[in-house]
Amino acid sequence: MGVWKKKSSHKNKVCYISVPAQIINSVSSSSLRTFLDDKSSKKNTSRFFNLRFHFLRNPKLFAFSLFSLSVIGLLLRLGFCGHPYHESQLQSSDSNVSPKSHLGTRSNSTQAEIPNAKDPSLAVGVEKNETFGADSKLITSDGDGRDWDDENEFWKQPDGLGYKPCLEFTTEYRRESKKIARERRKYLMVVVSGGMNQQKNQIVDATVIARILGAVLVVPILQVNLIWGDESEFSDIFDLERFKSVLANDVKIVSMLPASKLMTRPSEDGGMPFNASPQWIRSHYLKRFNKEGVLLLRRLDSRLSKDLPSDLQKLRCKVAFEALKFSPRVMEIGKKLAERMRSKGPYIALHLRMEKDVWVRTGCLSGLSSKYDEIAKTERIKRPELLTAKSSMTSNERKLAGLCPLNAKEVTRLLRALGAPRDARIYWAGGEPLGGKEALKPLTSEFPHLYNKHDIALPLELKPFAKRASIMAAIDYIVCKESDVFMASHGGNMGHAIQGHRAYEGHKKLITPNKRHMLPYFLNTSMTETEFDKMIRKLHRQSLGQPELRISKAGRDVTKYPVPECMCNNQSTSTI
């Protein structure tokens, strides 16, 4: 029933007209047609009086018209509030500006644009909980006492201080490049091993080593991974043609040895020491090239010094961020999944390290139950060589020293303390956790919109990569890199690579858990939740992806901290 309220000319008198829904049926079509098509007068004034006269003669039509206008006004008001997807669809996946969060409002009828995803919850909207204040502004909460101010602060991107990529090489470097482009005598072959992110790091270093030696680089060979049985080749994962073309002025790259050298047995080196300098590489490897000019290197992981001359540091960045892109096929599926995650606005990406082998290698306990702790301990006793942490420390000492991965409960408390809204969409990358779904329960209880690539992929999208662990890791890398907020629960190659990549693309928000300082507060049961949140935010104020100087600490990798060698802001670096 509609109600029209009008103040009369008499003081304190108000009259009401009730408009039952049935009145719509009682308005004759001829009366409505007369109202809409009344053209009896050519002048505006006479038309107004004719219309008013017609209204007075037909009170039902008058009431119906007022009711209709009020409905149209209400619809327009709701329409101008904005559809929950309009702004999110306008956000570029590489934008450095934090998109406005739509996750604080919930809509019963809205559906995400993930039509055939395996997880049906991805196609279901979330409830809307909104009220209007006295000044008619929309006040929204996510149902747990947090308002949009906290949530908008969570999605806010760090101040990048104007830093942008700058890979200007010196005149001497460019002069040397002309000689390298004519090189036909020395060929460097490399075999890279490990997971995708380890391989990526080794390819970067192999390219720099080729430049140091002035040799032609043969496209790196990916060693077959015995654990996952992955037989992917370079071009399956990476864009080979881009790799060659982007580096054409830095290192000459060929797909295979020339025909004249195919039958050559290359000179193979026994291994490079850690922290090898350009001087060491030249003095040891230039003389190792055999008379045919072919040298084969293995075991390059983290061997090349992190402190190289400026031009070589820039080359490292050029390889990692500009040349070494994923193949078009991998990029396509990765971008699709990222777009699905963003279909309702910003999203968080987590790299969770909770697999059994991680707990075994770190010497830490999962915090699930004595059953799972015993599984990790038994495996550690069987294979002591897997323990990479300091063996003299107890698991509790390791944890308090910040050497253990965060478990799901700790990740949840950290995100909530930093202001993550409960209905935030979260993408998680990583292997099967020890304990399966039970291990993730604390996270899914607090953040129900938690998905991995299998949840959001269409039924057959990932099937071609079922036995390609490196490609699956590449897909995870893309979705995590494109996220609005990224956090790794325990460092590692992927976390470090994404940290550098997000910095290079504009210092997109990245949470670095301050484990050593925050864990004592996790164990403090006397603190209120408000006190805990305040302390956690204080500890992480400078750990949200702001620019950091690589040279502020020795041994930092430029592909993790690209400032100042690979990024500049036309100001003094003392601004950091």
Protein backbone atom coordinates (compact mmCIF):
# COMPACT_ATOMS: atom_id res chain seq x y z
CA MET A 1 0.00 0.00 0.00
CA GLY A 2 1.34 3.47 -0.92
CA VAL A 3 0.80 6.47 1.35
CA TRP A 4 0.77 10.09 0.19
CA LYS A 5 1.13 12.73 2.88
CA LYS A 6 0.26 16.40 2.42
CA LYS A 7 0.13 19.30 4.86
CA SER A 8 -3.10 21.30 4.50
CA SER A 9 -3.38 25.06 4.80
CA HIS A 10 -4.72 24.67 8.33
CA LYS A 11 -2.06 24.52 11.01
CA ASN A 12 -1.21 21.08 12.40
CA LYS A 13 -3.60 19.35 9.98
CA VAL A 14 -2.29 16.53 7.85
CA CYS A 15 -4.27 14.50 5.35
CA TYR A 16 -3.33 11.04 4.06
CA ILE A 17 -4.33 9.21 0.92
CA SER A 18 -3.90 5.44 1.06
CA VAL A 19 -3.31 3.79 -2.29
CA PRO A 20 -4.08 0.05 -2.22
CA ALA A 21 -2.29 -2.18 -4.70
CA GLN A 22 -5.67 -3.07 -6.23
CA ILE A 23 -6.08 0.46 -7.51
CA ILE A 24 -3.70 -0.36 -10.33
CA ASN A 25 -6.27 -2.73 -11.78
CA SER A 26 -9.06 -0.21 -11.40
CA VAL A 27 -7.45 2.46 -13.60
CA SER A 28 -8.94 2.13 -17.06
CA SER A 29 -6.61 1.84 -20.02
CA SER A 30 -8.40 4.74 -21.69
CA SER A 31 -7.75 7.01 -18.70
CA LEU A 32 -4.08 6.04 -18.66
CA ARG A 33 -3.78 6.59 -22.39
CA THR A 34 -5.42 9.99 -22.02
CA PHE A 35 -2.90 10.88 -19.27
CA LEU A 36 0.12 9.84 -21.32
CA ASP A 37 -0.98 11.13 -24.70
CA ASP A 38 -2.87 14.29 -23.81
CA LYS A 39 -2.10 16.68 -26.66
CA SER A 40 -5.28 18.76 -26.54
CA SER A 41 -3.39 22.01 -26.01
CA LYS A 42 -0.49 23.48 -27.94
CA LYS A 43 0.49 25.86 -25.14
CA ASN A 44 2.27 24.64 -22.02
CA THR A 45 -0.01 26.60 -19.71
CA SER A 46 -3.24 25.25 -21.15
CA ARG A 47 -1.78 21.72 -21.13
CA PHE A 48 -1.04 22.09 -17.42
CA PHE A 49 -4.60 23.19 -16.60
CA ASN A 50 -6.09 20.47 -18.81
CA LEU A 51 -3.97 17.87 -17.05
CA ARG A 52 -4.91 19.20 -13.61
CA PHE A 53 -8.58 19.21 -14.58
CA HIS A 54 -8.33 15.64 -15.82
CA PHE A 55 -6.71 14.59 -12.53
CA LEU A 56 -9.46 16.17 -10.48
CA ARG A 57 -12.08 14.36 -12.49
CA ASN A 58 -10.32 11.04 -12.05
CA PRO A 59 -9.06 10.67 -8.44
CA LYS A 60 -7.98 7.04 -9.02
CA LEU A 61 -5.71 8.10 -11.84
CA PHE A 62 -4.34 10.92 -9.65
CA ALA A 63 -3.48 8.50 -6.81
CA PHE A 64 -2.02 5.95 -9.22
CA SER A 65 0.22 8.58 -10.80
CA LEU A 66 1.58 9.68 -7.43
CA PHE A 67 2.20 6.06 -6.48
CA SER A 68 3.99 5.38 -9.79
CA LEU A 69 6.19 8.44 -9.45
CA SER A 70 7.22 7.44 -5.92
CA VAL A 71 8.16 3.93 -7.12
CA ILE A 72 10.19 5.35 -10.03
CA GLY A 73 11.96 7.71 -7.62
CA LEU A 74 12.84 4.83 -5.30
CA LEU A 75 14.18 2.74 -8.19
CA LEU A 76 16.31 5.64 -9.42
CA ARG A 77 17.66 6.15 -5.90
CA LEU A 78 18.66 2.49 -5.64
CA GLY A 79 20.11 2.52 -9.15
CA PHE A 80 22.39 5.47 -8.41
CA CYS A 81 23.89 3.62 -5.43
CA GLY A 82 25.84 1.65 -8.03
CA HIS A 83 25.87 -1.97 -9.09
CA PRO A 84 28.43 -3.91 -7.03
CA TYR A 85 30.38 -4.90 -10.12
CA HIS A 86 30.56 -1.65 -12.04
CA GLU A 87 33.58 -0.20 -10.31
CA SER A 88 35.41 -3.50 -9.87
CA GLN A 89 35.21 -4.18 -13.60
CA LEU A 90 36.80 -0.82 -14.29
CA GLN A 91 39.79 -1.59 -12.10
CA SER A 92 42.90 -2.61 -14.00
CA SER A 93 44.62 -5.68 -12.65
CA ASP A 94 47.87 -3.73 -12.66
CA SER A 95 46.45 -0.58 -11.10
CA ASN A 96 48.44 0.89 -8.25
CA VAL A 97 45.36 2.62 -6.88
CA SER A 98 43.38 0.60 -4.40
CA PRO A 99 39.94 -0.16 -5.83
CA LYS A 100 36.99 0.79 -3.68
CA SER A 101 35.89 -2.20 -1.67
CA HIS A 102 32.44 -3.60 -2.36
CA LEU A 103 32.99 -6.40 0.10
CA GLY A 104 31.43 -4.49 2.99
CA THR A 105 27.95 -4.65 1.42
CA ARG A 106 26.05 -7.81 0.82
CA SER A 107 23.37 -8.49 -1.74
CA ASN A 108 21.01 -11.46 -1.60
CA SER A 109 20.28 -11.39 -5.31
CA THR A 110 23.62 -10.47 -6.85
CA GLN A 111 25.63 -13.17 -8.56
CA ALA A 112 29.32 -13.15 -9.32
CA GLU A 113 30.32 -13.59 -12.91
CA ILE A 114 31.90 -17.02 -12.53
CA PRO A 115 29.23 -19.03 -14.31
CA ASN A 116 30.60 -22.54 -14.37
CA ALA A 117 33.20 -22.63 -11.63
CA LYS A 118 33.44 -25.87 -9.71
CA ASP A 119 32.72 -24.14 -6.41
CA PRO A 120 29.05 -23.05 -6.52
CA SER A 121 29.63 -20.52 -3.75
CA LEU A 122 31.54 -18.40 -6.24
CA ALA A 123 28.33 -17.74 -8.14
CA VAL A 124 26.35 -16.74 -5.05
CA GLY A 125 26.07 -13.16 -3.83
CA VAL A 126 26.51 -12.21 -0.20
CA GLU A 127 23.87 -10.66 2.01
CA LYS A 128 23.40 -6.93 2.25
CA ASN A 129 23.38 -5.27 5.64
CA GLU A 130 22.86 -1.54 5.30
CA THR A 131 21.16 1.23 7.21
CA PHE A 132 20.65 4.91 6.62
CA GLY A 133 21.79 7.57 9.05
CA ALA A 134 20.02 10.84 9.81
CA ASP A 135 21.82 12.58 6.97
CA SER A 136 20.69 9.88 4.50
CA LYS A 137 24.27 8.63 3.93
CA LEU A 138 24.67 4.89 3.50
CA ILE A 139 26.29 3.35 6.56
CA THR A 140 27.55 -0.16 5.96
CA SER A 141 29.06 -2.82 8.16
CA ASP A 142 30.09 -6.39 7.52
CA GLY A 143 28.06 -7.74 10.41
CA ASP A 144 30.91 -8.12 12.91
CA GLY A 145 31.18 -4.59 14.19
CA ARG A 146 33.75 -3.32 11.68
CA ASP A 147 32.78 -0.42 9.42
CA TRP A 148 33.95 0.56 5.98
CA ASP A 149 36.64 2.88 7.34
CA ASP A 150 38.62 -0.13 8.61
CA GLU A 151 38.01 -2.07 5.41
CA ASN A 152 38.96 0.78 3.10
CA GLU A 153 42.15 1.25 5.10
CA PHE A 154 42.95 -2.43 4.62
CA TRP A 155 42.67 -2.14 0.81
CA LYS A 156 44.65 1.11 0.72
CA GLN A 157 47.89 0.79 -1.26
CA PRO A 158 51.26 1.93 0.19
CA ASP A 159 52.95 5.14 -0.87
CA GLY A 160 55.41 4.15 -3.59
CA LEU A 161 57.20 7.51 -3.22
CA GLY A 162 57.08 7.92 -6.98
CA TYR A 163 59.49 5.07 -7.71
CA LYS A 164 59.32 3.73 -11.26
CA PRO A 165 61.43 1.24 -13.23
CA CYS A 166 64.59 2.78 -14.66
CA LEU A 167 67.01 0.46 -16.43
CA GLU A 168 69.46 2.94 -17.94
CA PHE A 169 72.73 1.16 -18.63
CA THR A 170 76.11 2.90 -18.70
CA THR A 171 77.91 3.85 -21.92
CA GLU A 172 80.57 1.21 -21.22
CA TYR A 173 77.88 -1.50 -20.87
CA ARG A 174 76.27 -0.52 -24.17
CA ARG A 175 79.65 -0.44 -25.91
CA GLU A 176 80.40 -3.96 -24.64
CA SER A 177 76.98 -5.09 -25.90
CA LYS A 178 78.01 -4.51 -29.52
CA LYS A 179 80.92 -6.93 -29.14
CA ILE A 180 78.75 -9.54 -27.42
CA ALA A 181 76.21 -9.39 -30.24
CA ARG A 182 78.94 -10.56 -32.66
CA GLU A 183 80.07 -13.44 -30.42
CA ARG A 184 80.17 -16.84 -32.15
CA ARG A 185 82.94 -18.71 -30.31
CA LYS A 186 81.80 -19.25 -26.69
CA TYR A 187 78.51 -21.01 -25.86
CA LEU A 188 77.14 -21.41 -22.35
CA MET A 189 74.74 -24.26 -21.57
CA VAL A 190 72.96 -24.45 -18.21
CA VAL A 191 70.73 -27.01 -16.52
CA VAL A 192 68.30 -25.57 -13.99
CA SER A 193 66.52 -27.63 -11.33
CA GLY A 194 63.89 -27.44 -8.61
CA GLY A 195 60.42 -25.94 -8.69
CA MET A 196 59.29 -23.22 -11.08
CA ASN A 197 60.42 -20.33 -8.89
CA GLN A 198 63.83 -21.91 -8.28
CA GLN A 199 64.20 -22.44 -12.01
CA LYS A 200 63.26 -18.82 -12.65
CA ASN A 201 65.96 -17.58 -10.26
CA GLN A 202 68.58 -19.80 -11.90
CA ILE A 203 67.61 -18.61 -15.40
CA VAL A 204 68.11 -15.01 -14.25
CA ASP A 205 71.57 -15.83 -12.88
CA ALA A 206 72.52 -17.90 -15.94
CA THR A 207 71.76 -14.92 -18.18
CA VAL A 208 73.94 -12.65 -16.04
CA ILE A 209 76.77 -15.22 -16.04
CA ALA A 210 76.58 -15.41 -19.84
CA ARG A 211 76.97 -11.64 -19.96
CA ILE A 212 79.93 -11.72 -17.57
CA LEU A 213 81.65 -14.33 -19.77
CA GLY A 214 80.68 -12.65 -23.02
CA ALA A 215 79.21 -15.97 -24.16
CA VAL A 216 76.15 -16.95 -26.20
CA LEU A 217 73.47 -18.42 -23.94
CA VAL A 218 71.77 -21.59 -25.12
CA VAL A 219 68.16 -21.64 -23.88
CA PRO A 220 68.35 -23.21 -20.38
CA ILE A 221 67.44 -26.88 -20.02
CA LEU A 222 64.85 -27.63 -17.33
CA GLN A 223 65.81 -30.74 -15.42
CA VAL A 224 63.00 -33.26 -15.09
CA ASN A 225 61.58 -32.98 -11.59
CA LEU A 226 61.70 -36.45 -10.03
CA ILE A 227 59.29 -35.54 -7.23
CA TRP A 228 56.44 -34.29 -9.45
CA GLY A 229 57.44 -36.02 -12.71
CA ASP A 230 57.19 -32.69 -14.54
CA GLU A 231 58.75 -32.86 -18.01
CA SER A 232 57.95 -29.25 -19.02
CA GLU A 233 60.40 -27.49 -21.33
CA PHE A 234 61.36 -23.82 -21.28
CA SER A 235 58.81 -22.81 -23.93
CA ASP A 236 56.00 -24.65 -22.09
CA ILE A 237 56.34 -22.29 -19.15
CA PHE A 238 57.98 -19.14 -20.50
CA ASP A 239 57.59 -17.00 -23.61
CA LEU A 240 60.75 -18.01 -25.49
CA GLU A 241 60.56 -15.43 -28.26
CA ARG A 242 60.07 -12.60 -25.80
CA PHE A 243 63.01 -13.87 -23.74
CA LYS A 244 65.25 -13.66 -26.80
CA SER A 245 64.01 -10.34 -28.16
CA VAL A 246 63.96 -8.34 -24.92
CA LEU A 247 67.56 -9.37 -24.16
CA ALA A 248 68.85 -9.01 -27.72
CA ASN A 249 71.06 -6.04 -26.76
CA ASP A 250 72.36 -7.67 -23.58
CA VAL A 251 73.00 -11.37 -24.25
CA LYS A 252 72.85 -13.34 -27.47
CA ILE A 253 70.42 -16.25 -26.93
CA VAL A 254 69.97 -19.26 -29.22
CA SER A 255 67.56 -22.18 -28.98
CA MET A 256 70.26 -24.78 -29.60
CA LEU A 257 73.92 -25.15 -30.39
CA PRO A 258 74.91 -24.58 -34.02
CA ALA A 259 75.16 -27.72 -36.19
CA SER A 260 78.96 -27.63 -36.07
CA LYS A 261 78.92 -28.04 -32.29
CA LEU A 262 76.04 -30.47 -31.79
CA MET A 263 78.36 -33.47 -31.44
CA THR A 264 80.64 -31.62 -29.04
CA ARG A 265 80.98 -32.87 -25.50
CA PRO A 266 80.90 -29.70 -23.41
CA SER A 267 83.32 -28.96 -20.66
CA GLU A 268 81.39 -29.41 -17.41
CA ASP A 269 82.20 -27.55 -14.22
CA GLY A 270 82.06 -29.22 -10.83
CA GLY A 271 80.11 -26.43 -9.14
CA MET A 272 80.12 -22.76 -8.31
CA PRO A 273 80.70 -21.58 -4.72
CA PHE A 274 78.17 -19.41 -2.93
CA ASN A 275 78.49 -15.66 -3.39
CA ALA A 276 80.62 -15.98 -6.53
CA SER A 277 81.78 -12.61 -7.88
CA PRO A 278 82.18 -11.62 -11.57
CA GLN A 279 85.97 -11.76 -11.08
CA TRP A 280 85.79 -15.34 -9.78
CA ILE A 281 83.53 -16.37 -12.66
CA ARG A 282 85.86 -14.95 -15.32
CA SER A 283 89.01 -16.38 -13.75
CA HIS A 284 87.53 -19.89 -13.39
CA TYR A 285 85.26 -20.30 -16.40
CA LEU A 286 86.91 -18.50 -19.30
CA LYS A 287 89.73 -21.07 -19.23
CA ARG A 288 87.23 -23.95 -18.85
CA PHE A 289 85.70 -23.44 -22.27
CA ASN A 290 87.05 -26.37 -24.28
CA LYS A 291 88.59 -26.01 -27.69
CA GLU A 292 85.09 -26.25 -29.17
CA GLY A 293 83.96 -23.33 -27.00
CA VAL A 294 81.08 -25.01 -25.08
CA LEU A 295 80.73 -24.89 -21.28
CA LEU A 296 77.99 -26.62 -19.26
CA LEU A 297 76.97 -25.38 -15.78
CA ARG A 298 74.69 -26.98 -13.20
CA ARG A 299 73.65 -26.19 -9.61
CA LEU A 300 73.36 -22.43 -10.00
CA ASP A 301 70.78 -21.91 -7.27
CA SER A 302 71.76 -18.86 -5.14
CA ARG A 303 75.43 -19.16 -6.15
CA LEU A 304 75.96 -15.84 -7.90
CA SER A 305 76.72 -12.91 -5.57
CA LYS A 306 73.79 -10.68 -4.62
CA ASP A 307 76.10 -7.65 -4.69
CA LEU A 308 77.04 -7.04 -8.32
CA PRO A 309 78.03 -3.90 -10.25
CA SER A 310 75.06 -1.64 -11.03
CA ASP A 311 74.75 -2.64 -14.71
CA LEU A 312 74.58 -6.34 -13.84
CA GLN A 313 71.97 -5.64 -11.15
CA LYS A 314 69.88 -3.83 -13.77
CA LEU A 315 70.31 -6.81 -16.08
CA ARG A 316 69.01 -9.08 -13.32
CA CYS A 317 65.87 -6.93 -13.08
CA LYS A 318 65.48 -6.80 -16.85
CA VAL A 319 65.55 -10.59 -17.07
CA ALA A 320 63.26 -11.20 -14.06
CA PHE A 321 60.64 -8.51 -14.70
CA GLU A 322 60.79 -7.71 -18.42
CA ALA A 323 62.13 -10.69 -20.37
CA LEU A 324 61.05 -13.76 -18.41
CA LYS A 325 57.28 -13.67 -18.92
CA PHE A 326 55.10 -16.76 -18.90
CA SER A 327 53.99 -18.34 -22.16
CA PRO A 328 50.77 -16.97 -23.75
CA ARG A 329 48.88 -20.14 -22.85
CA VAL A 330 49.85 -19.92 -19.18
CA MET A 331 49.23 -16.16 -19.05
CA GLU A 332 45.76 -16.63 -20.50
CA ILE A 333 44.56 -19.08 -17.84
CA GLY A 334 46.28 -17.15 -15.03
CA LYS A 335 44.66 -13.86 -16.08
CA LYS A 336 41.25 -15.55 -16.37
CA LEU A 337 41.44 -16.84 -12.81
CA ALA A 338 42.59 -13.43 -11.56
CA GLU A 339 39.64 -11.77 -13.30
CA ARG A 340 37.23 -14.23 -11.68
CA MET A 341 38.66 -13.46 -8.27
CA ARG A 342 38.24 -9.74 -8.98
CA SER A 343 34.68 -10.07 -10.30
CA LYS A 344 33.29 -8.70 -7.02
CA GLY A 345 36.04 -6.24 -6.24
CA PRO A 346 39.48 -6.46 -4.62
CA TYR A 347 40.89 -9.74 -3.34
CA ILE A 348 43.65 -11.05 -1.10
CA ALA A 349 46.18 -13.69 -2.18
CA LEU A 350 47.98 -15.91 0.31
CA HIS A 351 50.91 -18.24 -0.25
CA LEU A 352 50.40 -20.81 2.48
CA ARG A 353 53.31 -23.07 3.41
CA MET A 354 51.58 -25.79 5.44
CA GLU A 355 52.57 -28.93 3.53
CA LYS A 356 53.97 -31.91 5.46
CA ASP A 357 57.48 -31.52 4.03
CA VAL A 358 57.56 -27.85 5.11
CA TRP A 359 56.85 -28.76 8.75
CA VAL A 360 59.43 -31.52 8.52
CA ARG A 361 62.18 -29.35 6.98
CA THR A 362 61.67 -26.38 9.30
CA GLY A 363 61.57 -28.48 12.45
CA CYS A 364 58.32 -26.78 13.45
CA LEU A 365 54.94 -28.05 14.65
CA SER A 366 51.74 -27.43 12.71
CA GLY A 367 49.67 -26.60 15.78
CA LEU A 368 46.84 -28.86 14.60
CA SER A 369 46.96 -31.73 17.07
CA SER A 370 49.37 -34.21 18.64
CA LYS A 371 48.45 -36.64 15.83
CA TYR A 372 49.86 -34.41 13.10
CA ASP A 373 52.81 -33.27 15.21
CA GLU A 374 53.75 -36.92 15.62
CA ILE A 375 53.58 -37.46 11.83
CA ALA A 376 56.08 -34.61 11.26
CA LYS A 377 58.38 -35.82 14.06
CA THR A 378 58.40 -39.40 12.72
CA GLU A 379 59.27 -38.23 9.20
CA ARG A 380 62.04 -36.03 10.60
CA ILE A 381 63.58 -38.98 12.46
CA LYS A 382 63.43 -41.15 9.33
CA ARG A 383 65.02 -38.48 7.14
CA PRO A 384 67.19 -36.15 9.27
CA GLU A 385 68.80 -34.72 6.13
CA LEU A 386 65.52 -32.90 5.42
CA LEU A 387 65.87 -30.73 8.53
CA THR A 388 67.28 -27.44 7.26
CA ALA A 389 66.68 -25.40 10.43
CA LYS A 390 69.12 -25.14 13.33
CA SER A 391 68.89 -28.58 14.90
CA SER A 392 69.95 -27.37 18.34
CA MET A 393 66.74 -25.35 18.74
CA THR A 394 63.45 -26.77 19.96
CA SER A 395 60.33 -26.29 17.87
CA ASN A 396 59.06 -23.68 20.33
CA GLU A 397 62.36 -21.76 20.20
CA ARG A 398 62.22 -21.80 16.40
CA LYS A 399 58.69 -20.45 16.47
CA LEU A 400 59.50 -17.57 18.82
CA ALA A 401 62.53 -16.75 16.68
CA GLY A 402 60.23 -16.29 13.68
CA LEU A 403 61.62 -19.32 11.83
CA CYS A 404 58.34 -21.23 11.47
CA PRO A 405 55.55 -20.85 8.92
CA LEU A 406 52.33 -19.32 10.20
CA ASN A 407 49.51 -21.83 10.55
CA ALA A 408 45.93 -21.08 9.48
CA LYS A 409 44.90 -19.81 12.92
CA GLU A 410 47.79 -17.34 13.03
CA VAL A 411 47.16 -16.16 9.46
CA THR A 412 43.52 -15.57 10.38
CA ARG A 413 44.30 -13.52 13.49
CA LEU A 414 46.87 -11.46 11.60
CA LEU A 415 44.49 -10.63 8.75
CA ARG A 416 41.67 -9.71 11.13
CA ALA A 417 43.96 -7.51 13.24
CA LEU A 418 45.07 -5.67 10.09
CA GLY A 419 41.44 -4.96 9.19
CA ALA A 420 40.60 -7.56 6.54
CA PRO A 421 36.80 -7.70 6.14
CA ARG A 422 35.16 -11.00 6.92
CA ASP A 423 33.63 -11.25 3.45
CA ALA A 424 36.94 -10.59 1.71
CA ARG A 425 37.61 -12.92 -1.20
CA ILE A 426 40.86 -14.81 -0.62
CA TYR A 427 42.89 -16.83 -3.11
CA TRP A 428 45.36 -19.26 -1.60
CA ALA A 429 48.31 -20.87 -3.35
CA GLY A 430 50.36 -23.77 -2.05
CA GLY A 431 50.44 -27.54 -1.79
CA GLU A 432 48.06 -29.79 0.11
CA PRO A 433 48.32 -28.82 3.82
CA LEU A 434 49.18 -31.41 6.43
CA GLY A 435 45.75 -32.24 7.83
CA GLY A 436 43.88 -31.31 4.63
CA LYS A 437 40.70 -29.26 5.11
CA GLU A 438 41.04 -29.50 8.88
CA ALA A 439 44.25 -27.44 8.66
CA LEU A 440 42.39 -24.66 6.85
CA LYS A 441 39.32 -24.69 9.11
CA PRO A 442 40.33 -21.67 11.28
CA LEU A 443 40.75 -19.65 8.08
CA THR A 444 37.52 -20.75 6.37
CA SER A 445 35.52 -20.22 9.59
CA GLU A 446 36.53 -16.57 9.70
CA PHE A 447 36.86 -15.95 5.94
CA PRO A 448 34.33 -18.18 4.16
CA HIS A 449 35.23 -16.92 0.66
CA LEU A 450 38.50 -18.85 0.42
CA TYR A 451 39.42 -20.38 -2.95
CA ASN A 452 42.33 -21.95 -4.80
CA LYS A 453 42.79 -22.46 -8.54
CA HIS A 454 40.82 -25.72 -8.54
CA ASP A 455 37.81 -24.01 -6.95
CA ILE A 456 37.52 -21.21 -9.52
CA ALA A 457 38.63 -23.00 -12.68
CA LEU A 458 36.07 -24.38 -15.11
CA PRO A 459 35.80 -28.19 -15.16
CA LEU A 460 38.39 -28.86 -17.91
CA GLU A 461 40.54 -25.72 -17.76
CA LEU A 462 43.33 -27.19 -15.63
CA LYS A 463 43.22 -30.72 -17.04
CA PRO A 464 46.02 -30.14 -19.62
CA PHE A 465 48.35 -29.12 -16.75
CA ALA A 466 47.45 -31.93 -14.35
CA LYS A 467 50.99 -33.36 -14.42
CA ARG A 468 52.77 -30.05 -14.93
CA ALA A 469 53.58 -28.79 -11.44
CA SER A 470 55.70 -25.93 -12.79
CA ILE A 471 52.83 -24.61 -14.91
CA MET A 472 50.43 -24.94 -11.97
CA ALA A 473 52.92 -22.91 -9.90
CA ALA A 474 53.08 -20.31 -12.69
CA ILE A 475 49.27 -19.98 -12.62
CA ASP A 476 49.40 -19.44 -8.84
CA TYR A 477 52.13 -16.84 -9.37
CA ILE A 478 50.00 -14.83 -11.81
CA VAL A 479 46.88 -14.79 -9.62
CA CYS A 480 48.93 -13.82 -6.55
CA LYS A 481 50.86 -11.10 -8.37
CA GLU A 482 47.62 -9.56 -9.68
CA SER A 483 45.95 -9.45 -6.25
CA ASP A 484 45.26 -6.25 -4.32
CA VAL A 485 46.93 -7.56 -1.17
CA PHE A 486 49.46 -10.40 -1.01
CA MET A 487 50.94 -12.24 1.96
CA ALA A 488 53.20 -15.28 2.25
CA SER A 489 53.03 -17.30 5.45
CA HIS A 490 56.70 -18.25 5.25
CA GLY A 491 58.99 -16.51 2.76
CA GLY A 492 60.35 -18.91 0.14
CA ASN A 493 61.24 -18.44 -3.53
CA MET A 494 57.71 -17.63 -4.66
CA GLY A 495 57.08 -15.11 -1.88
CA HIS A 496 60.38 -13.36 -2.58
CA ALA A 497 59.81 -13.28 -6.35
CA ILE A 498 56.29 -11.85 -6.01
CA GLN A 499 57.51 -9.27 -3.48
CA GLY A 500 60.05 -7.94 -6.00
CA HIS A 501 57.62 -8.10 -8.91
CA ARG A 502 54.91 -6.18 -7.03
CA ALA A 503 57.48 -3.56 -6.00
CA TYR A 504 58.68 -3.20 -9.61
CA GLU A 505 55.08 -2.72 -10.79
CA GLY A 506 54.41 0.15 -8.38
CA HIS A 507 54.80 -1.18 -4.82
CA LYS A 508 51.43 -2.91 -4.58
CA LYS A 509 50.41 -3.83 -1.05
CA LEU A 510 52.27 -6.78 0.41
CA ILE A 511 52.06 -7.84 4.05
CA THR A 512 55.33 -9.15 5.49
CA PRO A 513 54.44 -10.91 8.76
CA ASN A 514 56.68 -9.65 11.55
CA LYS A 515 56.72 -13.10 13.10
CA ARG A 516 59.49 -12.68 15.64
CA HIS A 517 57.88 -9.63 17.25
CA MET A 518 54.22 -10.48 16.90
CA LEU A 519 54.10 -14.09 18.12
CA PRO A 520 54.52 -13.21 21.82
CA TYR A 521 51.31 -11.19 21.52
CA PHE A 522 49.58 -14.19 19.97
CA LEU A 523 50.42 -16.12 23.13
CA ASN A 524 49.34 -13.33 25.49
CA THR A 525 45.85 -14.31 26.69
CA SER A 526 45.46 -11.24 28.93
CA MET A 527 45.23 -8.79 26.02
CA THR A 528 41.85 -7.66 24.77
CA GLU A 529 41.14 -8.04 21.07
CA THR A 530 41.26 -4.26 20.66
CA GLU A 531 44.69 -4.07 22.32
CA PHE A 532 45.93 -6.98 20.22
CA ASP A 533 44.73 -5.39 16.96
CA LYS A 534 46.34 -2.07 17.85
CA MET A 535 49.69 -3.69 18.60
CA ILE A 536 49.67 -5.83 15.45
CA ARG A 537 48.92 -2.80 13.28
CA LYS A 538 51.72 -0.87 14.96
CA LEU A 539 54.20 -3.71 14.30
CA HIS A 540 53.25 -3.85 10.61
CA ARG A 541 53.06 -0.15 9.87
CA GLN A 542 56.28 -0.34 7.82
CA SER A 543 55.75 -3.89 6.52
CA LEU A 544 53.03 -3.29 3.93
CA GLY A 545 55.02 -3.13 0.71
CA GLN A 546 56.56 0.34 0.98
CA PRO A 547 59.82 0.94 -0.95
CA GLU A 548 62.87 -0.51 0.80
CA LEU A 549 66.49 0.05 -0.12
CA ARG A 550 68.28 -3.14 -1.10
CA ILE A 551 71.57 -1.69 0.09
CA SER A 552 70.25 -1.09 3.63
CA LYS A 553 71.17 -4.72 4.44
CA ALA A 554 73.96 -6.85 3.02
CA GLY A 555 73.14 -9.82 0.79
CA ARG A 556 69.70 -8.67 -0.36
CA ASP A 557 68.56 -9.84 -3.79
CA VAL A 558 67.80 -7.04 -6.24
CA THR A 559 64.90 -9.06 -7.68
CA LYS A 560 63.30 -8.84 -4.22
CA TYR A 561 64.34 -5.25 -3.47
CA PRO A 562 64.64 -3.44 -6.84
CA VAL A 563 65.28 0.00 -5.26
CA PRO A 564 67.63 1.78 -5.94
CA GLU A 565 69.40 -0.04 -8.81
CA CYS A 566 66.29 -0.80 -10.90
CA MET A 567 63.85 1.89 -9.76
CA CYS A 568 64.24 5.64 -9.29
CA ASN A 569 62.06 8.59 -8.33
CA ASN A 570 64.24 11.53 -9.44
CA GLN A 571 64.83 12.30 -5.78
CA SER A 572 67.38 11.37 -3.19
CA THR A 573 67.03 7.78 -1.95
CA SER A 574 67.24 9.19 1.57
CA THR A 575 63.46 9.76 1.30
CA ILE A 576 62.92 6.08 2.14
